[in-house]
């Protein structure tokens, strides 16, 4: 291959990152990643500093199980129009704006709660955040898959992950930094510091709202689904009254056909695929719920953790996501899925070493950097893989099902993490969290050997050159 040909192909490959839709997904990724940490590790830190016991914090993490059940209402996002929102913005953007407004309201209410005085109130609004955030995830995932052809999906997934992981850093390191600024004394608890931190997080949700308002609604081909719904409605009209026939046909089309379509395309291998999805992130999620609690118990101050995560964690997350995108293009999805699972499992052993050493800032800096780099690679590959499994007309429901399965089992196991640490200690906990990730490697290998090639993601619009999209 000549030098000119190589350079031309390189520029063609990189031109996708100049597309406006990539920037949109970067910002929407930020909007999606911000609420998760506010009901996960950051909330765990707040509760621990407020004096809530570890077992209760572990049970509190079950709030995040809302993400694992989002498939239950994903058919509404696929097939239901919201009054006013859909008429003004379209189905995808209308649902996005609706979820984002609910998130602002819920996070604001968390910011005026006191876990010492009314833990139930805080739990209620944390649950509201989780439900609204899960709904936003459903529609953003569908928006991403439907916005561009298959060859753009890797770039969109990478941009989404960079935004998502950056928001997670902001919602953890940023929230801790704000709380530390307001209450510099690291050995005391100040409710106002945490309330102010969550108030700022609610304000940052405006990034997602503005992006939604100025983004472009994707064009989706729903003719096949609409035709099946009409056909079923006409058949049922002979047995049931018109309104009931319409309701039944809509419910079947929205809730049943997406699952039938998935199992028809993958057959018996669908079970193996679902098993892989349900276990892929188990090591990372089980460890994550106790991470910030571990930092507190090891004697690290809020500003130290925030500085490490904000500087080294964010940099290594971005490097990992970018490197993951390059690896995906070069070696394919399944090989990088295997690599990501291996790296995530191994990095948990580093936290066990930290537990043995105790308070050591340089060591924690290294461990968090490696952990974020590994997570960037693994998540980029996993998002691309899940996206490739969906089909046109059912993208919201199918992706919600797959991503919910990803969280259900790991989140359930993570709920017992506090009691496990109390019984066996941190070293044993991190070693166990690492070991449970190694069987995933076998699942990735089996899926790669036995599963057919996933159906391509349908194109909704052509890929433009490095020019803004027209309105």
Protein backbone atom coordinates (compact mmCIF):
# COMPACT_ATOMS: atom_id res chain seq x y z
CA UNK A 1 0.00 0.00 0.00
CA UNK A 2 1.40 3.42 -0.95
CA UNK A 3 2.00 6.17 1.59
CA UNK A 4 -0.68 8.36 -0.01
CA UNK A 5 -3.23 5.54 0.12
CA UNK A 6 -2.43 4.87 3.76
CA UNK A 7 -2.78 8.52 4.68
CA UNK A 8 -6.04 8.80 2.76
CA UNK A 9 -7.53 5.78 4.52
CA UNK A 10 -6.35 7.10 7.87
CA UNK A 11 -8.00 10.47 7.25
CA UNK A 12 -11.19 8.77 6.09
CA UNK A 13 -11.28 6.72 9.29
CA UNK A 14 -10.65 9.75 11.49
CA UNK A 15 -13.20 11.96 9.68
CA UNK A 16 -16.04 10.23 11.50
CA UNK A 17 -14.97 11.98 14.70
CA UNK A 18 -15.69 15.34 13.06
CA UNK A 19 -19.35 14.45 12.66
CA UNK A 20 -21.74 16.52 14.74
CA UNK A 21 -23.55 13.42 15.98
CA UNK A 22 -20.35 12.29 17.71
CA UNK A 23 -20.30 15.51 19.75
CA UNK A 24 -23.99 15.09 20.54
CA UNK A 25 -23.35 11.58 21.88
CA UNK A 26 -20.41 12.85 23.91
CA UNK A 27 -22.66 15.34 25.71
CA UNK A 28 -25.57 12.91 26.04
CA UNK A 29 -23.12 10.40 27.50
CA UNK A 30 -22.27 12.99 30.14
CA UNK A 31 -25.96 13.43 30.91
CA UNK A 32 -26.37 9.66 31.26
CA UNK A 33 -23.31 9.07 33.42
CA UNK A 34 -23.87 11.84 35.96
CA UNK A 35 -26.91 10.44 37.85
CA UNK A 36 -25.51 6.91 38.23
CA UNK A 37 -22.78 7.82 40.70
CA UNK A 38 -25.16 10.02 42.68
CA UNK A 39 -27.06 6.90 43.73
CA UNK A 40 -24.04 4.61 43.77
CA UNK A 41 -20.50 5.27 45.07
CA UNK A 42 -20.87 8.99 45.87
CA UNK A 43 -24.02 8.32 47.85
CA UNK A 44 -22.19 5.50 49.65
CA UNK A 45 -19.44 7.97 50.64
CA UNK A 46 -22.02 10.47 51.92
CA UNK A 47 -23.84 7.82 53.92
CA UNK A 48 -20.64 6.43 55.43
CA UNK A 49 -19.41 9.86 56.47
CA UNK A 50 -22.84 10.53 58.00
CA UNK A 51 -22.34 7.47 60.19
CA UNK A 52 -24.60 5.01 58.39
CA UNK A 53 -23.40 1.42 58.93
CA UNK A 54 -21.83 -0.60 56.12
CA UNK A 55 -24.61 -3.19 55.97
CA UNK A 56 -27.22 -0.46 55.40
CA UNK A 57 -25.04 1.11 52.70
CA UNK A 58 -24.83 -2.26 50.98
CA UNK A 59 -28.62 -2.61 51.00
CA UNK A 60 -28.92 0.99 49.82
CA UNK A 61 -27.11 -0.03 46.65
CA UNK A 62 -30.17 -2.07 45.64
CA UNK A 63 -31.72 1.22 44.57
CA UNK A 64 -29.50 0.96 41.51
CA UNK A 65 -31.33 -2.25 40.57
CA UNK A 66 -33.76 0.08 38.79
CA UNK A 67 -31.22 0.07 35.96
CA UNK A 68 -31.51 -3.71 35.78
CA UNK A 69 -35.30 -3.61 35.32
CA UNK A 70 -35.51 -0.82 32.75
CA UNK A 71 -36.48 -3.37 30.12
CA UNK A 72 -39.89 -3.50 31.83
CA UNK A 73 -40.86 -0.03 30.60
CA UNK A 74 -38.58 0.21 27.56
CA UNK A 75 -41.51 -0.74 25.23
CA UNK A 76 -43.16 2.53 26.24
CA UNK A 77 -40.12 4.43 24.99
CA UNK A 78 -40.17 2.48 21.73
CA UNK A 79 -43.86 2.79 20.92
CA UNK A 80 -45.53 5.42 23.14
CA UNK A 81 -45.75 9.12 22.30
CA UNK A 82 -45.64 11.61 25.17
CA UNK A 83 -48.20 14.41 24.95
CA UNK A 84 -46.56 17.73 24.04
CA UNK A 85 -42.98 16.38 24.35
CA UNK A 86 -43.26 14.11 21.30
CA UNK A 87 -45.19 16.67 19.28
CA UNK A 88 -42.54 19.35 19.85
CA UNK A 89 -39.33 17.30 19.79
CA UNK A 90 -40.09 13.89 18.32
CA UNK A 91 -40.33 10.55 20.11
CA UNK A 92 -36.67 10.09 21.09
CA UNK A 93 -35.86 13.66 22.07
CA UNK A 94 -39.24 14.07 23.76
CA UNK A 95 -38.57 11.11 26.04
CA UNK A 96 -35.04 12.37 26.70
CA UNK A 97 -36.20 15.80 27.83
CA UNK A 98 -38.95 14.30 30.00
CA UNK A 99 -36.47 12.04 31.80
CA UNK A 100 -33.93 14.84 32.24
CA UNK A 101 -36.48 17.15 33.85
CA UNK A 102 -37.44 14.38 36.29
CA UNK A 103 -33.76 13.92 37.12
CA UNK A 104 -33.31 17.59 37.97
CA UNK A 105 -36.32 17.48 40.29
CA UNK A 106 -35.16 14.29 42.04
CA UNK A 107 -31.53 15.38 42.50
CA UNK A 108 -32.68 18.73 43.88
CA UNK A 109 -34.76 16.87 46.46
CA UNK A 110 -31.78 14.69 47.37
CA UNK A 111 -29.80 17.88 47.91
CA UNK A 112 -32.17 19.02 50.66
CA UNK A 113 -32.31 15.64 52.43
CA UNK A 114 -30.57 14.60 55.65
CA UNK A 115 -29.64 10.91 55.96
CA UNK A 116 -29.30 11.15 59.73
CA UNK A 117 -32.77 12.57 60.22
CA UNK A 118 -34.79 11.00 57.39
CA UNK A 119 -32.97 8.21 55.59
CA UNK A 120 -36.24 7.04 54.00
CA UNK A 121 -36.76 10.40 52.26
CA UNK A 122 -33.27 10.25 50.79
CA UNK A 123 -33.87 6.68 49.64
CA UNK A 124 -37.15 7.68 47.97
CA UNK A 125 -35.61 10.44 45.87
CA UNK A 126 -32.53 8.33 45.15
CA UNK A 127 -34.94 5.74 43.72
CA UNK A 128 -36.61 8.47 41.66
CA UNK A 129 -33.17 9.44 40.29
CA UNK A 130 -32.44 5.82 39.41
CA UNK A 131 -35.77 5.36 37.61
CA UNK A 132 -35.50 8.61 35.64
CA UNK A 133 -31.84 7.92 34.87
CA UNK A 134 -32.65 4.42 33.63
CA UNK A 135 -35.35 5.89 31.38
CA UNK A 136 -32.87 8.41 30.00
CA UNK A 137 -30.45 5.55 29.33
CA UNK A 138 -33.11 3.67 27.36
CA UNK A 139 -33.84 6.53 25.02
CA UNK A 140 -30.22 7.69 24.60
CA UNK A 141 -29.16 4.17 23.68
CA UNK A 142 -31.93 3.97 21.07
CA UNK A 143 -31.05 7.47 19.84
CA UNK A 144 -27.39 6.45 19.45
CA UNK A 145 -28.12 3.22 17.58
CA UNK A 146 -30.67 4.85 15.27
CA UNK A 147 -28.63 7.99 14.55
CA UNK A 148 -26.02 6.60 12.21
CA UNK A 149 -24.98 3.64 10.07
CA UNK A 150 -23.01 0.68 11.36
CA UNK A 151 -19.59 2.05 10.47
CA UNK A 152 -20.18 5.06 12.73
CA UNK A 153 -21.28 3.03 15.75
CA UNK A 154 -17.77 2.49 17.11
CA UNK A 155 -17.13 6.24 17.09
CA UNK A 156 -20.50 6.98 18.69
CA UNK A 157 -19.92 4.32 21.33
CA UNK A 158 -16.47 5.74 22.09
CA UNK A 159 -17.80 9.30 22.33
CA UNK A 160 -20.69 8.16 24.50
CA UNK A 161 -18.33 6.31 26.82
CA UNK A 162 -15.94 9.25 27.13
CA UNK A 163 -18.87 11.48 28.09
CA UNK A 164 -20.31 8.84 30.40
CA UNK A 165 -17.05 8.13 32.20
CA UNK A 166 -16.21 11.83 32.43
CA UNK A 167 -19.55 12.43 34.10
CA UNK A 168 -18.89 9.58 36.51
CA UNK A 169 -15.63 11.29 37.48
CA UNK A 170 -17.45 14.61 37.91
CA UNK A 171 -20.17 12.94 40.02
CA UNK A 172 -17.53 11.29 42.23
CA UNK A 173 -14.33 13.36 42.27
CA UNK A 174 -16.22 16.57 41.51
CA UNK A 175 -18.82 15.97 44.19
CA UNK A 176 -16.13 15.10 46.74
CA UNK A 177 -14.11 18.17 45.79
CA UNK A 178 -17.09 20.47 46.27
CA UNK A 179 -17.86 18.91 49.64
CA UNK A 180 -14.20 19.23 50.68
CA UNK A 181 -14.06 22.90 49.66
CA UNK A 182 -17.09 23.73 51.77
CA UNK A 183 -15.88 21.72 54.76
CA UNK A 184 -12.05 21.57 54.64
CA UNK A 185 -11.78 19.55 57.85
CA UNK A 186 -11.61 15.98 56.59
CA UNK A 187 -12.33 14.47 60.00
CA UNK A 188 -15.77 16.02 60.43
CA UNK A 189 -19.16 15.57 58.79
CA UNK A 190 -20.95 18.59 57.37
CA UNK A 191 -24.43 18.12 55.93
CA UNK A 192 -24.41 21.44 54.05
CA UNK A 193 -21.27 20.40 52.15
CA UNK A 194 -22.97 17.32 50.72
CA UNK A 195 -26.22 19.14 50.05
CA UNK A 196 -24.38 21.85 48.10
CA UNK A 197 -22.49 19.21 46.15
CA UNK A 198 -25.72 17.53 45.04
CA UNK A 199 -27.24 20.92 44.20
CA UNK A 200 -24.36 21.56 41.80
CA UNK A 201 -24.85 18.11 40.26
CA UNK A 202 -28.50 18.98 39.58
CA UNK A 203 -27.34 22.11 37.77
CA UNK A 204 -24.96 20.09 35.59
CA UNK A 205 -27.92 18.16 34.22
CA UNK A 206 -28.59 21.28 32.12
CA UNK A 207 -25.86 20.02 29.77
CA UNK A 208 -28.09 17.13 28.74
CA UNK A 209 -31.17 19.30 28.48
CA UNK A 210 -29.48 21.82 26.17
CA UNK A 211 -28.01 19.04 24.03
CA UNK A 212 -31.43 17.42 23.67
CA UNK A 213 -33.03 20.68 22.61
CA UNK A 214 -30.41 21.37 19.92
CA UNK A 215 -29.89 17.82 18.63
CA UNK A 216 -31.59 16.28 15.61
CA UNK A 217 -34.30 13.63 15.85
CA UNK A 218 -33.22 10.40 14.11
CA UNK A 219 -35.36 8.95 11.35
CA UNK A 220 -36.34 5.37 12.14
CA UNK A 221 -37.99 2.87 9.84
CA UNK A 222 -40.89 1.45 11.87
CA UNK A 223 -42.95 0.30 8.89
CA UNK A 224 -42.52 -3.39 9.68
CA UNK A 225 -43.53 -3.00 13.32
CA UNK A 226 -46.43 -0.71 12.42
CA UNK A 227 -47.66 -3.17 9.78
CA UNK A 228 -47.59 -6.06 12.27
CA UNK A 229 -49.45 -3.98 14.83
CA UNK A 230 -52.13 -3.05 12.28
CA UNK A 231 -52.45 -6.64 11.09
CA UNK A 232 -52.90 -7.92 14.63
CA UNK A 233 -55.36 -5.15 15.43
CA UNK A 234 -57.52 -6.10 12.48
CA UNK A 235 -57.44 -9.75 13.48
CA UNK A 236 -58.40 -8.99 17.09
CA UNK A 237 -61.15 -6.59 16.03
CA UNK A 238 -63.28 -9.61 15.08
CA UNK A 239 -63.18 -10.90 18.68
CA UNK A 240 -62.84 -7.79 20.88
CA UNK A 241 -64.14 -4.21 20.95
CA UNK A 242 -62.07 -1.71 18.97
CA UNK A 243 -60.27 0.01 21.90
CA UNK A 244 -59.37 -3.31 23.51
CA UNK A 245 -58.13 -4.73 20.20
CA UNK A 246 -55.95 -1.65 19.68
CA UNK A 247 -54.54 -1.92 23.21
CA UNK A 248 -53.76 -5.63 22.88
CA UNK A 249 -52.13 -5.23 19.47
CA UNK A 250 -50.01 -2.32 20.70
CA UNK A 251 -48.90 -4.23 23.79
CA UNK A 252 -47.95 -7.29 21.77
CA UNK A 253 -46.00 -5.25 19.22
CA UNK A 254 -44.18 -3.19 21.86
CA UNK A 255 -43.48 -5.89 24.45
CA UNK A 256 -43.42 -9.29 22.74
CA UNK A 257 -42.17 -8.83 19.18
CA UNK A 258 -38.76 -7.39 20.21
CA UNK A 259 -37.99 -10.56 22.17
CA UNK A 260 -39.30 -12.86 19.43
CA UNK A 261 -37.12 -11.01 16.93
CA UNK A 262 -34.01 -11.44 19.09
CA UNK A 263 -34.48 -15.16 19.69
CA UNK A 264 -35.33 -15.78 16.02
CA UNK A 265 -32.09 -14.18 14.91
CA UNK A 266 -29.82 -15.94 17.40
CA UNK A 267 -31.67 -19.17 18.13
CA UNK A 268 -30.26 -21.36 20.91
CA UNK A 269 -27.13 -19.22 21.05
CA UNK A 270 -29.30 -16.40 22.44
CA UNK A 271 -29.16 -18.05 25.89
CA UNK A 272 -25.37 -18.13 25.79
CA UNK A 273 -25.26 -14.49 24.71
CA UNK A 274 -27.58 -13.47 27.54
CA UNK A 275 -25.47 -15.42 30.04
CA UNK A 276 -22.35 -13.56 28.92
CA UNK A 277 -24.11 -10.21 29.16
CA UNK A 278 -25.40 -10.97 32.66
CA UNK A 279 -21.92 -11.80 33.97
CA UNK A 280 -19.56 -9.57 31.98
CA UNK A 281 -19.36 -6.70 34.49
CA UNK A 282 -19.81 -8.69 37.70
CA UNK A 283 -16.24 -8.20 38.93
CA UNK A 284 -16.30 -4.44 38.37
CA UNK A 285 -19.76 -3.82 39.86
CA UNK A 286 -19.33 -5.99 42.95
CA UNK A 287 -16.06 -4.24 43.77
CA UNK A 288 -17.36 -0.76 42.96
CA UNK A 289 -19.99 -0.48 45.67
CA UNK A 290 -17.36 -0.75 48.41
CA UNK A 291 -14.62 1.29 46.70
CA UNK A 292 -15.35 4.66 48.30
CA UNK A 293 -16.22 3.03 51.61
CA UNK A 294 -12.79 1.36 51.42
CA UNK A 295 -11.09 4.71 50.81
CA UNK A 296 -12.76 6.20 53.88
CA UNK A 297 -11.82 3.25 56.07
CA UNK A 298 -8.20 3.40 54.83
CA UNK A 299 -7.97 7.01 56.00
CA UNK A 300 -7.97 8.83 52.65
CA UNK A 301 -9.46 12.33 52.73
CA UNK A 302 -12.13 13.54 50.32
CA UNK A 303 -9.79 15.99 48.58
CA UNK A 304 -7.14 13.28 48.11
CA UNK A 305 -9.59 10.86 46.51
CA UNK A 306 -11.07 13.65 44.40
CA UNK A 307 -7.66 14.80 43.15
CA UNK A 308 -6.56 11.28 42.24
CA UNK A 309 -9.80 10.47 40.43
CA UNK A 310 -10.12 13.86 38.75
CA UNK A 311 -6.59 13.99 37.35
CA UNK A 312 -5.29 10.48 36.86
CA UNK A 313 -8.61 8.65 36.77
CA UNK A 314 -10.14 10.94 34.13
CA UNK A 315 -7.02 10.98 31.97
CA UNK A 316 -6.69 7.21 32.02
CA UNK A 317 -10.42 6.77 31.34
CA UNK A 318 -10.17 8.91 28.22
CA UNK A 319 -6.98 7.15 27.13
CA UNK A 320 -8.58 3.76 27.75
CA UNK A 321 -11.71 4.66 25.77
CA UNK A 322 -9.69 6.00 22.84
CA UNK A 323 -7.35 3.01 22.90
CA UNK A 324 -10.33 0.69 23.11
CA UNK A 325 -11.80 2.26 19.98
CA UNK A 326 -8.55 1.70 18.11
CA UNK A 327 -8.35 -1.91 19.31
CA UNK A 328 -11.96 -2.54 18.26
CA UNK A 329 -11.25 -1.32 14.75
CA UNK A 330 -8.06 -3.36 14.51
CA UNK A 331 -8.95 -6.67 16.21
CA UNK A 332 -12.75 -6.85 16.34
CA UNK A 333 -15.24 -6.79 19.19
CA UNK A 334 -14.93 -10.28 20.69
CA UNK A 335 -11.16 -10.18 21.17
CA UNK A 336 -11.39 -6.83 22.95
CA UNK A 337 -14.30 -8.10 25.04
CA UNK A 338 -11.97 -10.85 26.26
CA UNK A 339 -9.15 -8.40 26.92
CA UNK A 340 -11.44 -6.01 28.80
CA UNK A 341 -12.82 -8.75 31.06
CA UNK A 342 -9.30 -9.95 31.84
CA UNK A 343 -8.02 -6.47 32.68
CA UNK A 344 -10.98 -5.65 34.95
CA UNK A 345 -10.58 -8.89 36.91
CA UNK A 346 -6.83 -8.43 37.35
CA UNK A 347 -7.08 -4.80 38.49
CA UNK A 348 -9.27 -5.82 41.44
CA UNK A 349 -6.27 -7.69 42.83
CA UNK A 350 -4.46 -4.36 43.00
CA UNK A 351 -7.08 -3.09 45.44
CA UNK A 352 -6.40 -6.14 47.62
CA UNK A 353 -2.74 -5.11 47.68
CA UNK A 354 -3.79 -1.58 48.66
CA UNK A 355 -5.77 -3.05 51.54
CA UNK A 356 -2.62 -4.82 52.77
CA UNK A 357 -0.45 -1.68 52.46
CA UNK A 358 -3.06 0.71 53.86
CA UNK A 359 -2.79 4.47 53.44
CA UNK A 360 -0.49 5.17 50.48
CA UNK A 361 -1.41 7.98 48.07
CA UNK A 362 1.07 7.12 45.24
CA UNK A 363 -0.06 3.50 45.26
CA UNK A 364 -3.75 4.47 45.14
CA UNK A 365 -2.98 6.87 42.28
CA UNK A 366 -1.42 4.04 40.28
CA UNK A 367 -4.25 1.60 41.06
CA UNK A 368 -7.05 4.03 40.15
CA UNK A 369 -5.23 4.94 36.92
CA UNK A 370 -4.88 1.32 35.86
CA UNK A 371 -8.46 0.53 36.91
CA UNK A 372 -9.92 3.39 34.87
CA UNK A 373 -7.81 2.55 31.83
CA UNK A 374 -9.02 -1.07 31.95
CA UNK A 375 -12.64 -0.03 32.45
CA UNK A 376 -12.41 2.29 29.43
CA UNK A 377 -11.34 -0.56 27.15
CA UNK A 378 -13.88 -3.04 28.54
CA UNK A 379 -16.84 -0.67 28.40
CA UNK A 380 -16.09 0.51 24.85
CA UNK A 381 -16.07 -3.09 23.63
CA UNK A 382 -19.19 -4.00 25.60
CA UNK A 383 -21.25 -1.05 24.33
CA UNK A 384 -20.29 -1.81 20.75
CA UNK A 385 -21.20 -5.47 21.23
CA UNK A 386 -24.62 -4.75 22.77
CA UNK A 387 -25.41 -2.24 20.02
CA UNK A 388 -24.65 -4.81 17.34
CA UNK A 389 -27.26 -7.19 18.79
CA UNK A 390 -30.28 -4.92 18.22
CA UNK A 391 -32.50 -4.58 15.15
CA UNK A 392 -34.41 -1.70 13.57
CA UNK A 393 -37.74 -0.78 15.12
CA UNK A 394 -36.96 -2.48 18.43
CA UNK A 395 -33.67 -0.84 19.40
CA UNK A 396 -34.88 0.77 22.65
CA UNK A 397 -36.54 -2.37 23.99
CA UNK A 398 -33.81 -4.78 22.92
CA UNK A 399 -30.92 -2.65 24.12
CA UNK A 400 -32.71 -1.95 27.41
CA UNK A 401 -33.22 -5.68 27.91
CA UNK A 402 -29.59 -6.45 27.20
CA UNK A 403 -28.18 -3.65 29.36
CA UNK A 404 -30.61 -4.51 32.17
CA UNK A 405 -29.50 -8.12 32.14
CA UNK A 406 -25.95 -6.79 32.39
CA UNK A 407 -26.77 -5.21 35.78
CA UNK A 408 -29.32 -7.50 37.41
CA UNK A 409 -27.14 -10.31 38.78
CA UNK A 410 -24.05 -8.17 39.61
CA UNK A 411 -26.15 -5.56 41.45
CA UNK A 412 -27.90 -8.25 43.48
CA UNK A 413 -24.59 -9.79 44.52
CA UNK A 414 -23.14 -6.35 45.28
CA UNK A 415 -25.90 -5.75 47.83
CA UNK A 416 -24.19 -8.22 50.16
CA UNK A 417 -20.75 -6.64 49.77
CA UNK A 418 -20.96 -4.70 53.05
CA UNK A 419 -21.71 -7.81 55.07
CA UNK A 420 -18.96 -9.72 53.24
CA UNK A 421 -16.40 -7.05 54.17
CA UNK A 422 -17.57 -7.09 57.79
CA UNK A 423 -17.16 -10.87 57.93
CA UNK A 424 -13.95 -11.43 55.93
CA UNK A 425 -12.18 -8.07 55.52
CA UNK A 426 -11.18 -6.01 52.51
CA UNK A 427 -8.32 -8.18 51.24
CA UNK A 428 -10.53 -11.25 50.98
CA UNK A 429 -13.30 -9.17 49.42
CA UNK A 430 -11.14 -7.75 46.59
CA UNK A 431 -9.60 -11.15 45.87
CA UNK A 432 -13.07 -12.69 45.65
CA UNK A 433 -14.28 -9.81 43.43
CA UNK A 434 -11.38 -10.57 41.10
CA UNK A 435 -11.89 -14.33 41.00
CA UNK A 436 -15.57 -14.11 40.05
CA UNK A 437 -14.55 -12.23 36.91
CA UNK A 438 -12.38 -14.97 35.41
CA UNK A 439 -15.22 -17.34 34.34
CA UNK A 440 -16.38 -14.51 32.06
CA UNK A 441 -13.34 -15.20 29.89
CA UNK A 442 -14.69 -18.66 29.12
CA UNK A 443 -18.08 -17.25 28.22
CA UNK A 444 -16.55 -14.74 25.81
CA UNK A 445 -14.64 -17.56 24.13
CA UNK A 446 -17.77 -19.72 23.80
CA UNK A 447 -19.85 -16.88 22.37
CA UNK A 448 -17.12 -16.01 19.87
CA UNK A 449 -16.98 -19.62 18.66
CA UNK A 450 -20.66 -20.55 18.62
CA UNK A 451 -22.64 -17.40 17.94
CA UNK A 452 -23.44 -16.25 14.41
CA UNK A 453 -22.23 -12.89 13.30
CA UNK A 454 -24.59 -10.21 14.74
CA UNK A 455 -26.93 -8.55 12.29
CA UNK A 456 -25.70 -5.11 11.21
CA UNK A 457 -27.14 -2.03 12.82
CA UNK A 458 -29.38 -0.27 10.30
CA UNK A 459 -28.46 3.12 9.01
CA UNK A 460 -30.70 6.06 9.76
CA UNK A 461 -28.70 8.66 7.87
CA UNK A 462 -25.47 8.83 5.85
CA UNK A 463 -22.12 9.70 7.36
CA UNK A 464 -21.12 13.19 6.43
CA UNK A 465 -17.63 14.48 5.99
CA UNK A 466 -16.14 16.81 8.60
CA UNK A 467 -19.02 19.24 8.26
CA UNK A 468 -21.83 20.16 10.69
CA UNK A 469 -25.17 18.47 10.11
CA UNK A 470 -27.78 20.59 8.44
CA UNK A 471 -30.79 21.51 10.51
